[in-house]
Amino acid sequence: PPGLMTAISTVESGRYDPVLQANLAWPWTINAEGAGAHF
């Protein structure tokens, strides 16, 4: 379904973009045993 994976990725790896003022998925994201980080 269109948009489904984009929604999941936003929940999984989203970070706030101050320019677009939206929470958007970011490819250089990790979560290690519950601790998340964006690079």
PDB file of all heavy atoms in Angstrom:
ATOM      1  N   PRO A   1       0.829  -1.210   0.000  1.00  0.00           N
ATOM      2  CA  PRO A   1       0.000   0.000   0.000  1.00  0.00           C
ATOM      3  C   PRO A   1       0.864   1.260   0.000  1.00  0.00           C
ATOM      4  O   PRO A   1       1.814   1.364   0.778  1.00  0.00           O
ATOM      5  CB  PRO A   1      -0.800  -0.123   1.314  1.00  0.00           C
ATOM      6  CG  PRO A   1      -0.851  -1.586   1.589  1.00  0.00           C
ATOM      7  CD  PRO A   1       0.468  -2.122   1.110  1.00  0.00           C
ATOM      8  N   PRO A   2       0.553   2.219  -0.864  1.00  0.00           N
ATOM      9  CA  PRO A   2       1.351   3.446  -0.934  1.00  0.00           C
ATOM     10  C   PRO A   2       1.416   4.171   0.398  1.00  0.00           C
ATOM     11  O   PRO A   2       0.409   4.386   1.062  1.00  0.00           O
ATOM     12  CB  PRO A   2       0.605   4.290  -1.978  1.00  0.00           C
ATOM     13  CG  PRO A   2      -0.130   3.292  -2.811  1.00  0.00           C
ATOM     14  CD  PRO A   2      -0.527   2.196  -1.873  1.00  0.00           C
ATOM     15  N   GLY A   3       2.610   4.533   0.785  1.00  0.00           N
ATOM     16  CA  GLY A   3       2.814   5.279   2.015  1.00  0.00           C
ATOM     17  C   GLY A   3       3.046   4.437   3.246  1.00  0.00           C
ATOM     18  O   GLY A   3       3.486   4.952   4.273  1.00  0.00           O
ATOM     19  N   LEU A   4       2.759   3.141   3.167  1.00  0.00           N
ATOM     20  CA  LEU A   4       2.876   2.290   4.353  1.00  0.00           C
ATOM     21  C   LEU A   4       4.315   2.211   4.858  1.00  0.00           C
ATOM     22  O   LEU A   4       4.589   2.424   6.040  1.00  0.00           O
ATOM     23  CB  LEU A   4       2.361   0.884   4.047  1.00  0.00           C
ATOM     24  CG  LEU A   4       2.566  -0.169   5.135  1.00  0.00           C
ATOM     25  CD1 LEU A   4       1.927   0.271   6.446  1.00  0.00           C
ATOM     26  CD2 LEU A   4       2.023  -1.516   4.689  1.00  0.00           C
ATOM     27  N   MET A   5       5.244   1.903   3.958  1.00  0.00           N
ATOM     28  CA  MET A   5       6.635   1.777   4.393  1.00  0.00           C
ATOM     29  C   MET A   5       7.223   3.125   4.803  1.00  0.00           C
ATOM     30  O   MET A   5       8.051   3.196   5.709  1.00  0.00           O
ATOM     31  CB  MET A   5       7.480   1.141   3.296  1.00  0.00           C
ATOM     32  CG  MET A   5       7.241  -0.345   3.140  1.00  0.00           C
ATOM     33  SD  MET A   5       8.455  -1.119   2.069  1.00  0.00           S
ATOM     34  CE  MET A   5       9.981  -0.797   2.937  1.00  0.00           C
ATOM     35  N   THR A   6       6.782   4.182   4.137  1.00  0.00           N
ATOM     36  CA  THR A   6       7.246   5.508   4.524  1.00  0.00           C
ATOM     37  C   THR A   6       6.796   5.829   5.940  1.00  0.00           C
ATOM     38  O   THR A   6       7.552   6.396   6.736  1.00  0.00           O
ATOM     39  CB  THR A   6       6.723   6.562   3.536  1.00  0.00           C
ATOM     40  OG1 THR A   6       7.166   6.227   2.215  1.00  0.00           O
ATOM     41  CG2 THR A   6       7.232   7.948   3.890  1.00  0.00           C
ATOM     42  N   ALA A   7       5.576   5.438   6.270  1.00  0.00           N
ATOM     43  CA  ALA A   7       5.078   5.645   7.633  1.00  0.00           C
ATOM     44  C   ALA A   7       5.884   4.832   8.641  1.00  0.00           C
ATOM     45  O   ALA A   7       6.276   5.333   9.699  1.00  0.00           O
ATOM     46  CB  ALA A   7       3.600   5.277   7.707  1.00  0.00           C
ATOM     47  N   ILE A   8       6.137   3.566   8.320  1.00  0.00           N
ATOM     48  CA  ILE A   8       6.908   2.716   9.228  1.00  0.00           C
ATOM     49  C   ILE A   8       8.310   3.281   9.419  1.00  0.00           C
ATOM     50  O   ILE A   8       8.827   3.338  10.542  1.00  0.00           O
ATOM     51  CB  ILE A   8       6.966   1.273   8.699  1.00  0.00           C
ATOM     52  CG1 ILE A   8       5.575   0.630   8.744  1.00  0.00           C
ATOM     53  CG2 ILE A   8       7.959   0.432   9.508  1.00  0.00           C
ATOM     54  CD1 ILE A   8       5.506  -0.747   8.111  1.00  0.00           C
ATOM     55  N   SER A   9       8.929   3.713   8.325  1.00  0.00           N
ATOM     56  CA  SER A   9      10.291   4.245   8.441  1.00  0.00           C
ATOM     57  C   SER A   9      10.320   5.521   9.277  1.00  0.00           C
ATOM     58  O   SER A   9      11.288   5.777  10.006  1.00  0.00           O
ATOM     59  CB  SER A   9      10.886   4.502   7.053  1.00  0.00           C
ATOM     60  OG  SER A   9      10.232   5.570   6.396  1.00  0.00           O
ATOM     61  N   THR A  10       9.260   6.322   9.202  1.00  0.00           N
ATOM     62  CA  THR A  10       9.193   7.528  10.017  1.00  0.00           C
ATOM     63  C   THR A  10       9.134   7.174  11.501  1.00  0.00           C
ATOM     64  O   THR A  10       9.799   7.803  12.336  1.00  0.00           O
ATOM     65  CB  THR A  10       7.963   8.366   9.634  1.00  0.00           C
ATOM     66  OG1 THR A  10       8.054   8.728   8.252  1.00  0.00           O
ATOM     67  CG2 THR A  10       7.884   9.635  10.473  1.00  0.00           C
ATOM     68  N   VAL A  11       8.361   6.148  11.830  1.00  0.00           N
ATOM     69  CA  VAL A  11       8.287   5.685  13.216  1.00  0.00           C
ATOM     70  C   VAL A  11       9.622   5.091  13.648  1.00  0.00           C
ATOM     71  O   VAL A  11      10.090   5.310  14.765  1.00  0.00           O
ATOM     72  CB  VAL A  11       7.155   4.647  13.370  1.00  0.00           C
ATOM     73  CG1 VAL A  11       7.186   4.000  14.755  1.00  0.00           C
ATOM     74  CG2 VAL A  11       5.802   5.300  13.132  1.00  0.00           C
ATOM     75  N   GLU A  12      10.253   4.335  12.752  1.00  0.00           N
ATOM     76  CA  GLU A  12      11.474   3.611  13.099  1.00  0.00           C
ATOM     77  C   GLU A  12      12.701   4.506  13.211  1.00  0.00           C
ATOM     78  O   GLU A  12      13.497   4.373  14.141  1.00  0.00           O
ATOM     79  CB  GLU A  12      11.734   2.517  12.054  1.00  0.00           C
ATOM     80  CG  GLU A  12      10.758   1.350  12.099  1.00  0.00           C
ATOM     81  CD  GLU A  12      11.036   0.407  13.251  1.00  0.00           C
ATOM     82  OE1 GLU A  12      12.063   0.567  13.932  1.00  0.00           O
ATOM     83  OE2 GLU A  12      10.212  -0.491  13.476  1.00  0.00           O
ATOM     84  N   SER A  13      12.897   5.385  12.235  1.00  0.00           N
ATOM     85  CA  SER A  13      14.168   6.133  12.170  1.00  0.00           C
ATOM     86  C   SER A  13      13.961   7.635  12.037  1.00  0.00           C
ATOM     87  O   SER A  13      14.883   8.359  11.657  1.00  0.00           O
ATOM     88  CB  SER A  13      15.008   5.627  10.990  1.00  0.00           C
ATOM     89  OG  SER A  13      14.348   5.861   9.752  1.00  0.00           O
ATOM     90  N   GLY A  14      12.768   8.102  12.347  1.00  0.00           N
ATOM     91  CA  GLY A  14      12.468   9.507  12.154  1.00  0.00           C
ATOM     92  C   GLY A  14      13.258  10.441  13.061  1.00  0.00           C
ATOM     93  O   GLY A  14      13.550  10.125  14.209  1.00  0.00           O
ATOM     94  N   ARG A  15      13.604  11.586  12.494  1.00  0.00           N
ATOM     95  CA  ARG A  15      14.185  12.675  13.289  1.00  0.00           C
ATOM     96  C   ARG A  15      13.590  13.983  12.780  1.00  0.00           C
ATOM     97  O   ARG A  15      13.184  14.100  11.624  1.00  0.00           O
ATOM     98  CB  ARG A  15      15.712  12.696  13.200  1.00  0.00           C
ATOM     99  CG  ARG A  15      16.277  13.203  11.885  1.00  0.00           C
ATOM    100  CD  ARG A  15      17.784  13.402  11.991  1.00  0.00           C
ATOM    101  NE  ARG A  15      18.339  14.004  10.795  1.00  0.00           N
ATOM    102  CZ  ARG A  15      19.609  14.381  10.664  1.00  0.00           C
ATOM    103  NH1 ARG A  15      20.458  14.190  11.656  1.00  0.00           N
ATOM    104  NH2 ARG A  15      20.038  14.933   9.558  1.00  0.00           N
ATOM    105  N   TYR A  16      13.553  14.967  13.635  1.00  0.00           N
ATOM    106  CA  TYR A  16      12.899  16.226  13.291  1.00  0.00           C
ATOM    107  C   TYR A  16      13.766  17.045  12.348  1.00  0.00           C
ATOM    108  O   TYR A  16      14.949  17.272  12.603  1.00  0.00           O
ATOM    109  CB  TYR A  16      12.601  17.040  14.553  1.00  0.00           C
ATOM    110  CG  TYR A  16      11.810  18.301  14.270  1.00  0.00           C
ATOM    111  CD1 TYR A  16      10.460  18.235  13.929  1.00  0.00           C
ATOM    112  CD2 TYR A  16      12.428  19.548  14.335  1.00  0.00           C
ATOM    113  CE1 TYR A  16       9.741  19.386  13.661  1.00  0.00           C
ATOM    114  CE2 TYR A  16      11.715  20.710  14.074  1.00  0.00           C
ATOM    115  CZ  TYR A  16      10.374  20.618  13.733  1.00  0.00           C
ATOM    116  OH  TYR A  16       9.664  21.764  13.465  1.00  0.00           O
ATOM    117  N   ASP A  17      13.166  17.486  11.251  1.00  0.00           N
ATOM    118  CA  ASP A  17      13.839  18.364  10.291  1.00  0.00           C
ATOM    119  C   ASP A  17      13.346  19.782  10.539  1.00  0.00           C
ATOM    120  O   ASP A  17      12.177  20.089  10.265  1.00  0.00           O
ATOM    121  CB  ASP A  17      13.523  17.925   8.858  1.00  0.00           C
ATOM    122  CG  ASP A  17      14.320  18.699   7.827  1.00  0.00           C
ATOM    123  OD1 ASP A  17      14.235  19.945   7.827  1.00  0.00           O
ATOM    124  OD2 ASP A  17      15.025  18.064   7.020  1.00  0.00           O
ATOM    125  N   PRO A  18      14.211  20.668  11.055  1.00  0.00           N
ATOM    126  CA  PRO A  18      13.761  22.020  11.399  1.00  0.00           C
ATOM    127  C   PRO A  18      13.393  22.867  10.191  1.00  0.00           C
ATOM    128  O   PRO A  18      12.605  23.804  10.313  1.00  0.00           O
ATOM    129  CB  PRO A  18      14.966  22.606  12.153  1.00  0.00           C
ATOM    130  CG  PRO A  18      16.138  21.832  11.647  1.00  0.00           C
ATOM    131  CD  PRO A  18      15.630  20.452  11.384  1.00  0.00           C
ATOM    132  N   VAL A  19      13.955  22.548   9.028  1.00  0.00           N
ATOM    133  CA  VAL A  19      13.639  23.315   7.824  1.00  0.00           C
ATOM    134  C   VAL A  19      12.243  22.959   7.327  1.00  0.00           C
ATOM    135  O   VAL A  19      11.400  23.818   7.059  1.00  0.00           O
ATOM    136  CB  VAL A  19      14.685  23.056   6.722  1.00  0.00           C
ATOM    137  CG1 VAL A  19      14.285  23.775   5.437  1.00  0.00           C
ATOM    138  CG2 VAL A  19      16.065  23.518   7.185  1.00  0.00           C
ATOM    139  N   LEU A  20      11.977  21.659   7.210  1.00  0.00           N
ATOM    140  CA  LEU A  20      10.670  21.199   6.746  1.00  0.00           C
ATOM    141  C   LEU A  20       9.650  21.123   7.875  1.00  0.00           C
ATOM    142  O   LEU A  20       8.463  20.916   7.613  1.00  0.00           O
ATOM    143  CB  LEU A  20      10.818  19.826   6.088  1.00  0.00           C
ATOM    144  CG  LEU A  20      11.710  19.784   4.849  1.00  0.00           C
ATOM    145  CD1 LEU A  20      11.829  18.360   4.323  1.00  0.00           C
ATOM    146  CD2 LEU A  20      11.170  20.707   3.761  1.00  0.00           C
ATOM    147  N   GLN A  21      10.130  21.251   9.111  1.00  0.00           N
ATOM    148  CA  GLN A  21       9.268  21.194  10.288  1.00  0.00           C
ATOM    149  C   GLN A  21       8.426  19.918  10.297  1.00  0.00           C
ATOM    150  O   GLN A  21       7.201  19.947  10.430  1.00  0.00           O
ATOM    151  CB  GLN A  21       8.376  22.439  10.362  1.00  0.00           C
ATOM    152  CG  GLN A  21       9.156  23.735  10.521  1.00  0.00           C
ATOM    153  CD  GLN A  21       8.272  24.953  10.725  1.00  0.00           C
ATOM    154  OE1 GLN A  21       7.078  24.919  10.480  1.00  0.00           O
ATOM    155  NE2 GLN A  21       8.866  26.045  11.180  1.00  0.00           N
ATOM    156  N   ALA A  22       9.128  18.804  10.149  1.00  0.00           N
ATOM    157  CA  ALA A  22       8.453  17.503  10.107  1.00  0.00           C
ATOM    158  C   ALA A  22       9.407  16.436  10.613  1.00  0.00           C
ATOM    159  O   ALA A  22      10.633  16.597  10.564  1.00  0.00           O
ATOM    160  CB  ALA A  22       8.011  17.179   8.683  1.00  0.00           C
ATOM    161  N   ASN A  23       8.833  15.356  11.107  1.00  0.00           N
ATOM    162  CA  ASN A  23       9.617  14.197  11.534  1.00  0.00           C
ATOM    163  C   ASN A  23       9.794  13.282  10.331  1.00  0.00           C
ATOM    164  O   ASN A  23       8.812  12.762   9.788  1.00  0.00           O
ATOM    165  CB  ASN A  23       8.885  13.463  12.659  1.00  0.00           C
ATOM    166  CG  ASN A  23       9.766  12.460  13.358  1.00  0.00           C
ATOM    167  OD1 ASN A  23      10.919  12.736  13.666  1.00  0.00           O
ATOM    168  ND2 ASN A  23       9.233  11.276  13.613  1.00  0.00           N
ATOM    169  N   LEU A  24      11.031  13.081   9.887  1.00  0.00           N
ATOM    170  CA  LEU A  24      11.314  12.335   8.660  1.00  0.00           C
ATOM    171  C   LEU A  24      12.338  11.235   8.932  1.00  0.00           C
ATOM    172  O   LEU A  24      13.241  11.404   9.740  1.00  0.00           O
ATOM    173  CB  LEU A  24      11.862  13.277   7.582  1.00  0.00           C
ATOM    174  CG  LEU A  24      10.973  14.461   7.212  1.00  0.00           C
ATOM    175  CD1 LEU A  24      11.719  15.411   6.289  1.00  0.00           C
ATOM    176  CD2 LEU A  24       9.672  13.994   6.562  1.00  0.00           C
ATOM    177  N   ALA A  25      12.166  10.105   8.234  1.00  0.00           N
ATOM    178  CA  ALA A  25      13.103   8.993   8.383  1.00  0.00           C
ATOM    179  C   ALA A  25      14.500   9.417   7.948  1.00  0.00           C
ATOM    180  O   ALA A  25      14.665  10.163   6.977  1.00  0.00           O
ATOM    181  CB  ALA A  25      12.629   7.802   7.560  1.00  0.00           C
ATOM    182  N   TRP A  26      15.506   8.901   8.658  1.00  0.00           N
ATOM    183  CA  TRP A  26      16.903   9.253   8.379  1.00  0.00           C
ATOM    184  C   TRP A  26      17.705   7.971   8.187  1.00  0.00           C
ATOM    185  O   TRP A  26      17.649   7.064   9.021  1.00  0.00           O
ATOM    186  CB  TRP A  26      17.478  10.081   9.520  1.00  0.00           C
ATOM    187  CG  TRP A  26      18.875  10.554   9.294  1.00  0.00           C
ATOM    188  CD1 TRP A  26      20.008  10.149   9.948  1.00  0.00           C
ATOM    189  CD2 TRP A  26      19.308  11.519   8.321  1.00  0.00           C
ATOM    190  NE1 TRP A  26      21.110  10.795   9.454  1.00  0.00           N
ATOM    191  CE2 TRP A  26      20.711  11.650   8.448  1.00  0.00           C
ATOM    192  CE3 TRP A  26      18.645  12.276   7.356  1.00  0.00           C
ATOM    193  CZ2 TRP A  26      21.456  12.509   7.648  1.00  0.00           C
ATOM    194  CZ3 TRP A  26      19.393  13.137   6.563  1.00  0.00           C
ATOM    195  CH2 TRP A  26      20.774  13.257   6.712  1.00  0.00           C
ATOM    196  N   PRO A  27      18.459   7.844   7.084  1.00  0.00           N
ATOM    197  CA  PRO A  27      19.119   6.571   6.769  1.00  0.00           C
ATOM    198  C   PRO A  27      20.270   6.187   7.690  1.00  0.00           C
ATOM    199  O   PRO A  27      20.570   4.996   7.832  1.00  0.00           O
ATOM    200  CB  PRO A  27      19.627   6.790   5.338  1.00  0.00           C
ATOM    201  CG  PRO A  27      19.773   8.284   5.206  1.00  0.00           C
ATOM    202  CD  PRO A  27      18.656   8.852   6.022  1.00  0.00           C
ATOM    203  N   TRP A  28      20.913   7.162   8.313  1.00  0.00           N
ATOM    204  CA  TRP A  28      22.080   6.836   9.143  1.00  0.00           C
ATOM    205  C   TRP A  28      21.654   6.780  10.620  1.00  0.00           C
ATOM    206  O   TRP A  28      22.194   7.482  11.467  1.00  0.00           O
ATOM    207  CB  TRP A  28      23.205   7.858   8.951  1.00  0.00           C
ATOM    208  CG  TRP A  28      23.392   8.379   7.553  1.00  0.00           C
ATOM    209  CD1 TRP A  28      23.677   9.660   7.198  1.00  0.00           C
ATOM    210  CD2 TRP A  28      23.352   7.645   6.327  1.00  0.00           C
ATOM    211  NE1 TRP A  28      23.786   9.768   5.834  1.00  0.00           N
ATOM    212  CE2 TRP A  28      23.590   8.551   5.269  1.00  0.00           C
ATOM    213  CE3 TRP A  28      23.108   6.308   6.000  1.00  0.00           C
ATOM    214  CZ2 TRP A  28      23.610   8.171   3.930  1.00  0.00           C
ATOM    215  CZ3 TRP A  28      23.109   5.919   4.672  1.00  0.00           C
ATOM    216  CH2 TRP A  28      23.367   6.838   3.661  1.00  0.00           C
ATOM    217  N   THR A  29      20.667   5.926  10.874  1.00  0.00           N
ATOM    218  CA  THR A  29      20.099   5.772  12.211  1.00  0.00           C
ATOM    219  C   THR A  29      20.402   4.380  12.744  1.00  0.00           C
ATOM    220  O   THR A  29      20.317   3.399  11.998  1.00  0.00           O
ATOM    221  CB  THR A  29      18.575   5.981  12.176  1.00  0.00           C
ATOM    222  OG1 THR A  29      18.291   7.298  11.692  1.00  0.00           O
ATOM    223  CG2 THR A  29      17.953   5.804  13.550  1.00  0.00           C
ATOM    224  N   ILE A  30      20.731   4.296  14.026  1.00  0.00           N
ATOM    225  CA  ILE A  30      20.899   2.990  14.664  1.00  0.00           C
ATOM    226  C   ILE A  30      20.152   2.996  15.995  1.00  0.00           C
ATOM    227  O   ILE A  30      19.893   4.050  16.584  1.00  0.00           O
ATOM    228  CB  ILE A  30      22.380   2.616  14.895  1.00  0.00           C
ATOM    229  CG1 ILE A  30      22.993   3.483  16.001  1.00  0.00           C
ATOM    230  CG2 ILE A  30      23.190   2.722  13.614  1.00  0.00           C
ATOM    231  CD1 ILE A  30      24.359   2.999  16.450  1.00  0.00           C
ATOM    232  N   ASN A  31      19.818   1.816  16.455  1.00  0.00           N
ATOM    233  CA  ASN A  31      19.268   1.635  17.797  1.00  0.00           C
ATOM    234  C   ASN A  31      19.930   0.397  18.376  1.00  0.00           C
ATOM    235  O   ASN A  31      19.745  -0.707  17.853  1.00  0.00           O
ATOM    236  CB  ASN A  31      17.750   1.476  17.761  1.00  0.00           C
ATOM    237  CG  ASN A  31      17.144   1.453  19.149  1.00  0.00           C
ATOM    238  OD1 ASN A  31      17.460   0.591  19.971  1.00  0.00           O
ATOM    239  ND2 ASN A  31      16.256   2.390  19.409  1.00  0.00           N
ATOM    240  N   ALA A  32      20.709   0.590  19.413  1.00  0.00           N
ATOM    241  CA  ALA A  32      21.447  -0.517  20.024  1.00  0.00           C
ATOM    242  C   ALA A  32      20.877  -0.813  21.396  1.00  0.00           C
ATOM    243  O   ALA A  32      21.023   0.000  22.319  1.00  0.00           O
ATOM    244  CB  ALA A  32      22.935  -0.182  20.130  1.00  0.00           C
ATOM    245  N   GLU A  33      20.179  -1.946  21.490  1.00  0.00           N
ATOM    246  CA  GLU A  33      19.586  -2.385  22.751  1.00  0.00           C
ATOM    247  C   GLU A  33      18.759  -1.293  23.413  1.00  0.00           C
ATOM    248  O   GLU A  33      18.846  -1.040  24.609  1.00  0.00           O
ATOM    249  CB  GLU A  33      20.684  -2.896  23.692  1.00  0.00           C
ATOM    250  CG  GLU A  33      21.412  -4.111  23.110  1.00  0.00           C
ATOM    251  CD  GLU A  33      22.421  -4.721  24.056  1.00  0.00           C
ATOM    252  OE1 GLU A  33      22.844  -4.024  25.008  1.00  0.00           O
ATOM    253  OE2 GLU A  33      22.767  -5.903  23.864  1.00  0.00           O
ATOM    254  N   GLY A  34      17.958  -0.605  22.584  1.00  0.00           N
ATOM    255  CA  GLY A  34      17.025   0.393  23.093  1.00  0.00           C
ATOM    256  C   GLY A  34      17.515   1.821  23.057  1.00  0.00           C
ATOM    257  O   GLY A  34      16.724   2.747  23.291  1.00  0.00           O
ATOM    258  N   ALA A  35      18.787   2.049  22.759  1.00  0.00           N
ATOM    259  CA  ALA A  35      19.336   3.403  22.711  1.00  0.00           C
ATOM    260  C   ALA A  35      19.519   3.821  21.257  1.00  0.00           C
ATOM    261  O   ALA A  35      20.334   3.247  20.533  1.00  0.00           O
ATOM    262  CB  ALA A  35      20.672   3.467  23.447  1.00  0.00           C
ATOM    263  N   GLY A  36      18.757   4.812  20.807  1.00  0.00           N
ATOM    264  CA  GLY A  36      18.805   5.242  19.418  1.00  0.00           C
ATOM    265  C   GLY A  36      19.746   6.406  19.195  1.00  0.00           C
ATOM    266  O   GLY A  36      20.021   7.195  20.116  1.00  0.00           O
ATOM    267  N   ALA A  37      20.245   6.515  17.965  1.00  0.00           N
ATOM    268  CA  ALA A  37      21.137   7.628  17.619  1.00  0.00           C
ATOM    269  C   ALA A  37      21.068   7.883  16.121  1.00  0.00           C
ATOM    270  O   ALA A  37      20.950   6.940  15.321  1.00  0.00           O
ATOM    271  CB  ALA A  37      22.566   7.323  18.031  1.00  0.00           C
ATOM    272  N   HIS A  38      21.131   9.167  15.745  1.00  0.00           N
ATOM    273  CA  HIS A  38      21.204   9.572  14.348  1.00  0.00           C
ATOM    274  C   HIS A  38      22.612  10.099  14.067  1.00  0.00           C
ATOM    275  O   HIS A  38      23.173  10.831  14.883  1.00  0.00           O
ATOM    276  CB  HIS A  38      20.195  10.677  14.051  1.00  0.00           C
ATOM    277  CG  HIS A  38      18.777  10.303  14.324  1.00  0.00           C
ATOM    278  ND1 HIS A  38      18.069   9.430  13.539  1.00  0.00           N
ATOM    279  CD2 HIS A  38      17.931  10.683  15.311  1.00  0.00           C
ATOM    280  CE1 HIS A  38      16.840   9.301  14.022  1.00  0.00           C
ATOM    281  NE2 HIS A  38      16.735  10.042  15.101  1.00  0.00           N
ATOM    282  N   PHE A  39      23.166   9.731  12.922  1.00  0.00           N
ATOM    283  CA  PHE A  39      24.496  10.187  12.536  1.00  0.00           C
ATOM    284  C   PHE A  39      24.398  11.008  11.255  1.00  0.00           C
ATOM    285  O   PHE A  39      23.495  10.808  10.444  1.00  0.00           O
ATOM    286  CB  PHE A  39      25.430   8.997  12.351  1.00  0.00           C
ATOM    287  CG  PHE A  39      25.670   8.225  13.622  1.00  0.00           C
ATOM    288  CD1 PHE A  39      24.827   7.189  14.003  1.00  0.00           C
ATOM    289  CD2 PHE A  39      26.728   8.552  14.463  1.00  0.00           C
ATOM    290  CE1 PHE A  39      25.020   6.497  15.179  1.00  0.00           C
ATOM    291  CE2 PHE A  39      26.932   7.867  15.647  1.00  0.00           C
ATOM    292  CZ  PHE A  39      26.077   6.828  16.009  1.00  0.00           C
TER     293      PHE A  39
END
